[in-house]
Amino acid sequence: MKWTDTLDIAIALDEEHPDVDPTRVNFVDLRNWIMELDGFDDDPAHCGERILEAVQMAWIEEKG
């Protein structure tokens, strides 16, 4: 997975952290959790606030 795979990341996060409310996750934790996912392989420097917002929104939709 790369930073741009927002839906795949959101699904993986929901599986890894089923009890977490994605509306309450701070971006520092979100970024760390993404980088810890199995199959995630991208440069940490390529991550920005827009990407984290997109992942958070996809995760919220996935929870919905």
C-alpha atoms as a PDB file:
ATOM      1  CA  MET A   1       0.000   0.000   0.000  1.00  0.00           C
ATOM      2  CA  LYS A   2       1.043   3.560  -0.709  1.00  0.00           C
ATOM      3  CA  TRP A   3      -0.169   6.846   0.802  1.00  0.00           C
ATOM      4  CA  THR A   4      -2.548   7.285  -2.122  1.00  0.00           C
ATOM      5  CA  ASP A   5      -4.350   3.980  -1.425  1.00  0.00           C
ATOM      6  CA  THR A   6      -6.729   5.726   0.960  1.00  0.00           C
ATOM      7  CA  LEU A   7      -9.584   3.215   0.787  1.00  0.00           C
ATOM      8  CA  ASP A   8      -7.292   0.217   1.273  1.00  0.00           C
ATOM      9  CA  ILE A   9      -5.637   1.976   4.195  1.00  0.00           C
ATOM     10  CA  ALA A  10      -9.009   2.841   5.727  1.00  0.00           C
ATOM     11  CA  ILE A  11     -10.166  -0.770   5.500  1.00  0.00           C
ATOM     12  CA  ALA A  12      -6.932  -2.016   7.051  1.00  0.00           C
ATOM     13  CA  LEU A  13      -7.159   0.548   9.859  1.00  0.00           C
ATOM     14  CA  ASP A  14     -10.750  -0.468  10.584  1.00  0.00           C
ATOM     15  CA  GLU A  15      -9.633  -4.101  10.829  1.00  0.00           C
ATOM     16  CA  GLU A  16      -6.627  -3.252  13.031  1.00  0.00           C
ATOM     17  CA  HIS A  17      -8.454  -0.779  15.285  1.00  0.00           C
ATOM     18  CA  PRO A  18     -12.134  -1.823  15.306  1.00  0.00           C
ATOM     19  CA  ASP A  19     -12.922  -0.025  18.564  1.00  0.00           C
ATOM     20  CA  VAL A  20     -11.475   3.332  17.508  1.00  0.00           C
ATOM     21  CA  ASP A  21     -13.707   6.223  16.488  1.00  0.00           C
ATOM     22  CA  PRO A  22     -11.919   7.660  13.426  1.00  0.00           C
ATOM     23  CA  THR A  23     -13.403  11.104  14.086  1.00  0.00           C
ATOM     24  CA  ARG A  24     -11.368  11.279  17.292  1.00  0.00           C
ATOM     25  CA  VAL A  25      -7.970  10.141  15.972  1.00  0.00           C
ATOM     26  CA  ASN A  26      -5.220  12.740  15.868  1.00  0.00           C
ATOM     27  CA  PHE A  27      -3.043  12.882  12.781  1.00  0.00           C
ATOM     28  CA  VAL A  28       0.139  11.862  14.619  1.00  0.00           C
ATOM     29  CA  ASP A  29      -1.448   8.579  15.720  1.00  0.00           C
ATOM     30  CA  LEU A  30      -3.115   8.087  12.348  1.00  0.00           C
ATOM     31  CA  ARG A  31       0.184   8.504  10.495  1.00  0.00           C
ATOM     32  CA  ASN A  32       1.950   6.091  12.853  1.00  0.00           C
ATOM     33  CA  TRP A  33      -0.804   3.485  12.589  1.00  0.00           C
ATOM     34  CA  ILE A  34      -0.723   3.673   8.791  1.00  0.00           C
ATOM     35  CA  MET A  35       3.037   3.171   8.702  1.00  0.00           C
ATOM     36  CA  GLU A  36       2.670   0.123  11.008  1.00  0.00           C
ATOM     37  CA  LEU A  37       0.135  -1.618   8.749  1.00  0.00           C
ATOM     38  CA  ASP A  38       1.171  -4.897   7.151  1.00  0.00           C
ATOM     39  CA  GLY A  39       1.674  -4.287   3.472  1.00  0.00           C
ATOM     40  CA  PHE A  40       2.258  -0.561   3.821  1.00  0.00           C
ATOM     41  CA  ASP A  41       5.419   0.460   2.025  1.00  0.00           C
ATOM     42  CA  ASP A  42       5.861   4.123   1.201  1.00  0.00           C
ATOM     43  CA  ASP A  43       8.156   6.986   2.085  1.00  0.00           C
ATOM     44  CA  PRO A  44       7.036   8.720   5.317  1.00  0.00           C
ATOM     45  CA  ALA A  45       8.093  12.034   3.775  1.00  0.00           C
ATOM     46  CA  HIS A  46       5.372  11.670   1.138  1.00  0.00           C
ATOM     47  CA  CYS A  47       2.631  11.992   3.736  1.00  0.00           C
ATOM     48  CA  GLY A  48       0.894  15.293   4.302  1.00  0.00           C
ATOM     49  CA  GLU A  49      -2.209  16.630   5.988  1.00  0.00           C
ATOM     50  CA  ARG A  50      -4.316  16.207   2.841  1.00  0.00           C
ATOM     51  CA  ILE A  51      -3.517  12.514   2.658  1.00  0.00           C
ATOM     52  CA  LEU A  52      -4.291  11.998   6.333  1.00  0.00           C
ATOM     53  CA  GLU A  53      -7.597  13.853   5.918  1.00  0.00           C
ATOM     54  CA  ALA A  54      -8.485  11.651   2.950  1.00  0.00           C
ATOM     55  CA  VAL A  55      -7.668   8.485   4.903  1.00  0.00           C
ATOM     56  CA  GLN A  56      -9.660   9.709   7.895  1.00  0.00           C
ATOM     57  CA  MET A  57     -12.683  10.500   5.717  1.00  0.00           C
ATOM     58  CA  ALA A  58     -12.487   7.082   4.017  1.00  0.00           C
ATOM     59  CA  TRP A  59     -12.248   5.418   7.432  1.00  0.00           C
ATOM     60  CA  ILE A  60     -15.286   7.353   8.674  1.00  0.00           C
ATOM     61  CA  GLU A  61     -17.239   6.244   5.605  1.00  0.00           C
ATOM     62  CA  GLU A  62     -16.052   2.660   6.079  1.00  0.00           C
ATOM     63  CA  LYS A  63     -17.300   2.716   9.696  1.00  0.00           C
ATOM     64  CA  GLY A  64     -20.630   4.196   8.655  1.00  0.00           C
END
